[in-house]
Amino acid sequence: MIFISENAFERREPWAYQAMWVGMISWCLVDSGISIFYGAIHNVLIINLVALALIGLPLLMTKRHFYPDSI
């Protein structure tokens, strides 16, 4: 994600926006699923949801820079 954000995301390439979402959502789903399976609900609540909000909200706010015709 750092490599994408420092290069393609900065140049506002649409695939970078999608890659950031896909990476974040897939990580959150896999990590949360494994955490729930092993009973580590606190990891989902304290780490995953907080990270999802801290990364997801800025991504939502930058969507218009990648897709100006949407919204």
PDB file of N, CA and C in Angstrom:
ATOM      1  N   MET A   1       0.825  -1.185   0.000  1.00  0.00           N
ATOM      2  CA  MET A   1       0.000   0.000   0.000  1.00  0.00           C
ATOM      3  C   MET A   1       0.871   1.251   0.000  1.00  0.00           C
ATOM      4  N   ILE A   2       1.986   1.200   0.683  1.00  0.00           N
ATOM      5  CA  ILE A   2       2.872   2.362   0.704  1.00  0.00           C
ATOM      6  C   ILE A   2       3.428   2.638  -0.687  1.00  0.00           C
ATOM      7  N   PHE A   3       3.862   1.590  -1.377  1.00  0.00           N
ATOM      8  CA  PHE A   3       4.393   1.761  -2.722  1.00  0.00           C
ATOM      9  C   PHE A   3       3.333   2.344  -3.654  1.00  0.00           C
ATOM     10  N   ILE A   4       2.122   1.845  -3.558  1.00  0.00           N
ATOM     11  CA  ILE A   4       1.036   2.362  -4.401  1.00  0.00           C
ATOM     12  C   ILE A   4       0.732   3.809  -4.044  1.00  0.00           C
ATOM     13  N   SER A   5       0.658   4.104  -2.766  1.00  0.00           N
ATOM     14  CA  SER A   5       0.302   5.469  -2.363  1.00  0.00           C
ATOM     15  C   SER A   5       1.380   6.480  -2.714  1.00  0.00           C
ATOM     16  N   GLU A   6       2.625   6.077  -2.692  1.00  0.00           N
ATOM     17  CA  GLU A   6       3.717   6.996  -3.000  1.00  0.00           C
ATOM     18  C   GLU A   6       3.940   7.188  -4.490  1.00  0.00           C
ATOM     19  N   ASN A   7       3.359   6.339  -5.308  1.00  0.00           N
ATOM     20  CA  ASN A   7       3.589   6.430  -6.745  1.00  0.00           C
ATOM     21  C   ASN A   7       2.287   6.656  -7.506  1.00  0.00           C
ATOM     22  N   ALA A   8       1.573   5.599  -7.782  1.00  0.00           N
ATOM     23  CA  ALA A   8       0.385   5.682  -8.636  1.00  0.00           C
ATOM     24  C   ALA A   8      -0.759   6.463  -7.987  1.00  0.00           C
ATOM     25  N   PHE A   9      -0.945   6.309  -6.691  1.00  0.00           N
ATOM     26  CA  PHE A   9      -2.025   7.026  -6.005  1.00  0.00           C
ATOM     27  C   PHE A   9      -1.772   8.524  -6.069  1.00  0.00           C
ATOM     28  N   GLU A  10      -0.519   8.909  -5.899  1.00  0.00           N
ATOM     29  CA  GLU A  10      -0.147  10.316  -5.955  1.00  0.00           C
ATOM     30  C   GLU A  10      -0.383  10.895  -7.352  1.00  0.00           C
ATOM     31  N   ARG A  11      -0.219  10.076  -8.378  1.00  0.00           N
ATOM     32  CA  ARG A  11      -0.474  10.503  -9.761  1.00  0.00           C
ATOM     33  C   ARG A  11      -1.943  10.372 -10.143  1.00  0.00           C
ATOM     34  N   ARG A  12      -2.760   9.959  -9.191  1.00  0.00           N
ATOM     35  CA  ARG A  12      -4.209   9.840  -9.355  1.00  0.00           C
ATOM     36  C   ARG A  12      -4.604   8.872 -10.467  1.00  0.00           C
ATOM     37  N   GLU A  13      -3.949   7.743 -10.478  1.00  0.00           N
ATOM     38  CA  GLU A  13      -4.304   6.695 -11.430  1.00  0.00           C
ATOM     39  C   GLU A  13      -5.449   5.874 -10.833  1.00  0.00           C
ATOM     40  N   PRO A  14      -6.550   5.721 -11.579  1.00  0.00           N
ATOM     41  CA  PRO A  14      -7.732   5.044 -11.022  1.00  0.00           C
ATOM     42  C   PRO A  14      -7.470   3.631 -10.509  1.00  0.00           C
ATOM     43  N   TRP A  15      -6.585   2.887 -11.132  1.00  0.00           N
ATOM     44  CA  TRP A  15      -6.325   1.528 -10.665  1.00  0.00           C
ATOM     45  C   TRP A  15      -5.722   1.551  -9.265  1.00  0.00           C
ATOM     46  N   ALA A  16      -5.000   2.595  -8.918  1.00  0.00           N
ATOM     47  CA  ALA A  16      -4.399   2.686  -7.582  1.00  0.00           C
ATOM     48  C   ALA A  16      -5.480   2.838  -6.515  1.00  0.00           C
ATOM     49  N   TYR A  17      -6.508   3.613  -6.836  1.00  0.00           N
ATOM     50  CA  TYR A  17      -7.622   3.775  -5.904  1.00  0.00           C
ATOM     51  C   TYR A  17      -8.304   2.433  -5.662  1.00  0.00           C
ATOM     52  N   GLN A  18      -8.554   1.705  -6.733  1.00  0.00           N
ATOM     53  CA  GLN A  18      -9.184   0.394  -6.614  1.00  0.00           C
ATOM     54  C   GLN A  18      -8.286  -0.588  -5.878  1.00  0.00           C
ATOM     55  N   ALA A  19      -6.994  -0.547  -6.152  1.00  0.00           N
ATOM     56  CA  ALA A  19      -6.056  -1.461  -5.495  1.00  0.00           C
ATOM     57  C   ALA A  19      -5.999  -1.203  -3.989  1.00  0.00           C
ATOM     58  N   MET A  20      -6.079   0.049  -3.594  1.00  0.00           N
ATOM     59  CA  MET A  20      -6.078   0.367  -2.165  1.00  0.00           C
ATOM     60  C   MET A  20      -7.320  -0.225  -1.493  1.00  0.00           C
ATOM     61  N   TRP A  21      -8.479  -0.092  -2.137  1.00  0.00           N
ATOM     62  CA  TRP A  21      -9.705  -0.655  -1.573  1.00  0.00           C
ATOM     63  C   TRP A  21      -9.658  -2.172  -1.516  1.00  0.00           C
ATOM     64  N   VAL A  22      -9.247  -2.784  -2.623  1.00  0.00           N
ATOM     65  CA  VAL A  22      -9.204  -4.248  -2.669  1.00  0.00           C
ATOM     66  C   VAL A  22      -8.239  -4.786  -1.616  1.00  0.00           C
ATOM     67  N   GLY A  23      -7.084  -4.180  -1.502  1.00  0.00           N
ATOM     68  CA  GLY A  23      -6.107  -4.621  -0.502  1.00  0.00           C
ATOM     69  C   GLY A  23      -6.626  -4.470   0.917  1.00  0.00           C
ATOM     70  N   MET A  24      -7.232  -3.338   1.201  1.00  0.00           N
ATOM     71  CA  MET A  24      -7.712  -3.085   2.553  1.00  0.00           C
ATOM     72  C   MET A  24      -8.889  -3.997   2.909  1.00  0.00           C
ATOM     73  N   ILE A  25      -9.832  -4.136   2.007  1.00  0.00           N
ATOM     74  CA  ILE A  25     -11.012  -4.961   2.285  1.00  0.00           C
ATOM     75  C   ILE A  25     -10.624  -6.438   2.387  1.00  0.00           C
ATOM     76  N   SER A  26      -9.761  -6.908   1.491  1.00  0.00           N
ATOM     77  CA  SER A  26      -9.368  -8.322   1.556  1.00  0.00           C
ATOM     78  C   SER A  26      -8.592  -8.615   2.839  1.00  0.00           C
ATOM     79  N   TRP A  27      -7.696  -7.707   3.232  1.00  0.00           N
ATOM     80  CA  TRP A  27      -6.981  -7.894   4.493  1.00  0.00           C
ATOM     81  C   TRP A  27      -7.965  -7.936   5.661  1.00  0.00           C
ATOM     82  N   CYS A  28      -8.899  -6.999   5.670  1.00  0.00           N
ATOM     83  CA  CYS A  28      -9.845  -6.916   6.784  1.00  0.00           C
ATOM     84  C   CYS A  28     -10.712  -8.170   6.870  1.00  0.00           C
ATOM     85  N   LEU A  29     -11.185  -8.653   5.738  1.00  0.00           N
ATOM     86  CA  LEU A  29     -12.031  -9.848   5.747  1.00  0.00           C
ATOM     87  C   LEU A  29     -11.265 -11.094   6.188  1.00  0.00           C
ATOM     88  N   VAL A  30     -10.083 -11.285   5.642  1.00  0.00           N
ATOM     89  CA  VAL A  30      -9.289 -12.479   5.999  1.00  0.00           C
ATOM     90  C   VAL A  30      -8.866 -12.415   7.460  1.00  0.00           C
ATOM     91  N   ASP A  31      -8.325 -11.277   7.877  1.00  0.00           N
ATOM     92  CA  ASP A  31      -7.849 -11.150   9.254  1.00  0.00           C
ATOM     93  C   ASP A  31      -9.001 -11.242  10.253  1.00  0.00           C
ATOM     94  N   SER A  32     -10.114 -10.621   9.937  1.00  0.00           N
ATOM     95  CA  SER A  32     -11.271 -10.682  10.837  1.00  0.00           C
ATOM     96  C   SER A  32     -11.835 -12.095  10.910  1.00  0.00           C
ATOM     97  N   GLY A  33     -11.898 -12.785   9.765  1.00  0.00           N
ATOM     98  CA  GLY A  33     -12.383 -14.161   9.761  1.00  0.00           C
ATOM     99  C   GLY A  33     -11.531 -15.080  10.611  1.00  0.00           C
ATOM    100  N   ILE A  34     -10.220 -14.958  10.471  1.00  0.00           N
ATOM    101  CA  ILE A  34      -9.315 -15.785  11.276  1.00  0.00           C
ATOM    102  C   ILE A  34      -9.419 -15.414  12.753  1.00  0.00           C
ATOM    103  N   SER A  35      -9.525 -14.111  13.027  1.00  0.00           N
ATOM    104  CA  SER A  35      -9.645 -13.668  14.418  1.00  0.00           C
ATOM    105  C   SER A  35     -10.917 -14.186  15.063  1.00  0.00           C
ATOM    106  N   ILE A  36     -12.016 -14.133  14.338  1.00  0.00           N
ATOM    107  CA  ILE A  36     -13.285 -14.636  14.874  1.00  0.00           C
ATOM    108  C   ILE A  36     -13.214 -16.144  15.074  1.00  0.00           C
ATOM    109  N   PHE A  37     -12.616 -16.847  14.130  1.00  0.00           N
ATOM    110  CA  PHE A  37     -12.478 -18.300  14.249  1.00  0.00           C
ATOM    111  C   PHE A  37     -11.724 -18.682  15.519  1.00  0.00           C
ATOM    112  N   TYR A  38     -10.677 -17.940  15.851  1.00  0.00           N
ATOM    113  CA  TYR A  38      -9.890 -18.253  17.041  1.00  0.00           C
ATOM    114  C   TYR A  38     -10.362 -17.519  18.293  1.00  0.00           C
ATOM    115  N   GLY A  39     -11.467 -16.794  18.186  1.00  0.00           N
ATOM    116  CA  GLY A  39     -12.050 -16.159  19.364  1.00  0.00           C
ATOM    117  C   GLY A  39     -11.407 -14.836  19.752  1.00  0.00           C
ATOM    118  N   ALA A  40     -10.677 -14.238  18.860  1.00  0.00           N
ATOM    119  CA  ALA A  40     -10.009 -12.964  19.153  1.00  0.00           C
ATOM    120  C   ALA A  40     -10.859 -11.803  18.634  1.00  0.00           C
ATOM    121  N   ILE A  41     -12.050 -11.686  19.181  1.00  0.00           N
ATOM    122  CA  ILE A  41     -12.979 -10.636  18.754  1.00  0.00           C
ATOM    123  C   ILE A  41     -12.392  -9.256  19.024  1.00  0.00           C
ATOM    124  N   HIS A  42     -11.588  -9.145  20.068  1.00  0.00           N
ATOM    125  CA  HIS A  42     -10.977  -7.855  20.386  1.00  0.00           C
ATOM    126  C   HIS A  42     -10.094  -7.362  19.247  1.00  0.00           C
ATOM    127  N   ASN A  43      -9.468  -8.263  18.500  1.00  0.00           N
ATOM    128  CA  ASN A  43      -8.650  -7.861  17.359  1.00  0.00           C
ATOM    129  C   ASN A  43      -9.518  -7.236  16.270  1.00  0.00           C
ATOM    130  N   VAL A  44     -10.691  -7.789  16.066  1.00  0.00           N
ATOM    131  CA  VAL A  44     -11.599  -7.242  15.062  1.00  0.00           C
ATOM    132  C   VAL A  44     -12.065  -5.852  15.474  1.00  0.00           C
ATOM    133  N   LEU A  45     -12.444  -5.711  16.735  1.00  0.00           N
ATOM    134  CA  LEU A  45     -12.990  -4.444  17.211  1.00  0.00           C
ATOM    135  C   LEU A  45     -11.940  -3.358  17.385  1.00  0.00           C
ATOM    136  N   ILE A  46     -10.813  -3.714  17.968  1.00  0.00           N
ATOM    137  CA  ILE A  46      -9.808  -2.707  18.307  1.00  0.00           C
ATOM    138  C   ILE A  46      -8.868  -2.407  17.148  1.00  0.00           C
ATOM    139  N   ILE A  47      -8.479  -3.398  16.391  1.00  0.00           N
ATOM    140  CA  ILE A  47      -7.496  -3.197  15.319  1.00  0.00           C
ATOM    141  C   ILE A  47      -8.172  -3.048  13.963  1.00  0.00           C
ATOM    142  N   ASN A  48      -8.923  -4.034  13.537  1.00  0.00           N
ATOM    143  CA  ASN A  48      -9.434  -4.058  12.164  1.00  0.00           C
ATOM    144  C   ASN A  48     -10.434  -2.945  11.872  1.00  0.00           C
ATOM    145  N   LEU A  49     -11.400  -2.746  12.732  1.00  0.00           N
ATOM    146  CA  LEU A  49     -12.389  -1.706  12.479  1.00  0.00           C
ATOM    147  C   LEU A  49     -11.795  -0.308  12.563  1.00  0.00           C
ATOM    148  N   VAL A  50     -10.868  -0.119  13.480  1.00  0.00           N
ATOM    149  CA  VAL A  50     -10.199   1.180  13.586  1.00  0.00           C
ATOM    150  C   VAL A  50      -9.351   1.437  12.344  1.00  0.00           C
ATOM    151  N   ALA A  51      -8.592   0.451  11.912  1.00  0.00           N
ATOM    152  CA  ALA A  51      -7.781   0.604  10.699  1.00  0.00           C
ATOM    153  C   ALA A  51      -8.667   0.827   9.482  1.00  0.00           C
ATOM    154  N   LEU A  52      -9.770   0.116   9.408  1.00  0.00           N
ATOM    155  CA  LEU A  52     -10.700   0.290   8.294  1.00  0.00           C
ATOM    156  C   LEU A  52     -11.226   1.727   8.251  1.00  0.00           C
ATOM    157  N   ALA A  53     -11.551   2.274   9.398  1.00  0.00           N
ATOM    158  CA  ALA A  53     -12.039   3.655   9.451  1.00  0.00           C
ATOM    159  C   ALA A  53     -10.923   4.654   9.132  1.00  0.00           C
ATOM    160  N   LEU A  54      -9.737   4.436   9.692  1.00  0.00           N
ATOM    161  CA  LEU A  54      -8.641   5.386   9.484  1.00  0.00           C
ATOM    162  C   LEU A  54      -8.108   5.385   8.054  1.00  0.00           C
ATOM    163  N   ILE A  55      -8.242   4.283   7.363  1.00  0.00           N
ATOM    164  CA  ILE A  55      -7.786   4.221   5.973  1.00  0.00           C
ATOM    165  C   ILE A  55      -8.964   4.421   5.020  1.00  0.00           C
ATOM    166  N   GLY A  56     -10.115   3.889   5.359  1.00  0.00           N
ATOM    167  CA  GLY A  56     -11.274   3.946   4.475  1.00  0.00           C
ATOM    168  C   GLY A  56     -11.880   5.334   4.324  1.00  0.00           C
ATOM    169  N   LEU A  57     -11.960   6.087   5.404  1.00  0.00           N
ATOM    170  CA  LEU A  57     -12.536   7.428   5.311  1.00  0.00           C
ATOM    171  C   LEU A  57     -11.731   8.354   4.394  1.00  0.00           C
ATOM    172  N   PRO A  58     -10.416   8.417   4.531  1.00  0.00           N
ATOM    173  CA  PRO A  58      -9.660   9.237   3.571  1.00  0.00           C
ATOM    174  C   PRO A  58      -9.791   8.735   2.132  1.00  0.00           C
ATOM    175  N   LEU A  59      -9.883   7.422   1.949  1.00  0.00           N
ATOM    176  CA  LEU A  59     -10.082   6.901   0.593  1.00  0.00           C
ATOM    177  C   LEU A  59     -11.421   7.368   0.027  1.00  0.00           C
ATOM    178  N   LEU A  60     -12.458   7.317   0.831  1.00  0.00           N
ATOM    179  CA  LEU A  60     -13.759   7.802   0.372  1.00  0.00           C
ATOM    180  C   LEU A  60     -13.699   9.285   0.011  1.00  0.00           C
ATOM    181  N   MET A  61     -12.969  10.046   0.778  1.00  0.00           N
ATOM    182  CA  MET A  61     -12.872  11.486   0.542  1.00  0.00           C
ATOM    183  C   MET A  61     -12.065  11.833  -0.715  1.00  0.00           C
ATOM    184  N   THR A  62     -11.213  10.923  -1.172  1.00  0.00           N
ATOM    185  CA  THR A  62     -10.403  11.198  -2.359  1.00  0.00           C
ATOM    186  C   THR A  62     -10.998  10.611  -3.635  1.00  0.00           C
ATOM    187  N   LYS A  63     -12.150   9.989  -3.556  1.00  0.00           N
ATOM    188  CA  LYS A  63     -12.732   9.337  -4.731  1.00  0.00           C
ATOM    189  C   LYS A  63     -12.951  10.321  -5.879  1.00  0.00           C
ATOM    190  N   ARG A  64     -13.369  11.534  -5.591  1.00  0.00           N
ATOM    191  CA  ARG A  64     -13.655  12.496  -6.651  1.00  0.00           C
ATOM    192  C   ARG A  64     -12.410  12.896  -7.436  1.00  0.00           C
ATOM    193  N   HIS A  65     -11.224  12.715  -6.856  1.00  0.00           N
ATOM    194  CA  HIS A  65      -9.989  13.022  -7.570  1.00  0.00           C
ATOM    195  C   HIS A  65      -9.650  11.936  -8.597  1.00  0.00           C
ATOM    196  N   PHE A  66     -10.152  10.743  -8.383  1.00  0.00           N
ATOM    197  CA  PHE A  66      -9.893   9.635  -9.299  1.00  0.00           C
ATOM    198  C   PHE A  66     -11.028   9.452 -10.302  1.00  0.00           C
ATOM    199  N   TYR A  67     -12.235   9.741  -9.882  1.00  0.00           N
ATOM    200  CA  TYR A  67     -13.422   9.581 -10.725  1.00  0.00           C
ATOM    201  C   TYR A  67     -14.241  10.881 -10.651  1.00  0.00           C
ATOM    202  N   PRO A  68     -13.834  11.921 -11.379  1.00  0.00           N
ATOM    203  CA  PRO A  68     -14.521  13.223 -11.256  1.00  0.00           C
ATOM    204  C   PRO A  68     -15.975  13.209 -11.721  1.00  0.00           C
ATOM    205  N   ASP A  69     -16.340  12.272 -12.585  1.00  0.00           N
ATOM    206  CA  ASP A  69     -17.724  12.237 -13.073  1.00  0.00           C
ATOM    207  C   ASP A  69     -18.677  11.561 -12.104  1.00  0.00           C
ATOM    208  N   SER A  70     -18.141  10.823 -11.129  1.00  0.00           N
ATOM    209  CA  SER A  70     -19.007  10.171 -10.142  1.00  0.00           C
ATOM    210  C   SER A  70     -19.296  11.132  -9.007  1.00  0.00           C
ATOM    211  N   ILE A  71     -20.312  10.844  -8.269  1.00  0.00           N
ATOM    212  CA  ILE A  71     -20.780  11.618  -7.102  1.00  0.00           C
ATOM    213  C   ILE A  71     -21.342  12.940  -7.498  1.00  0.00           C
TER     214      ILE A  71
END
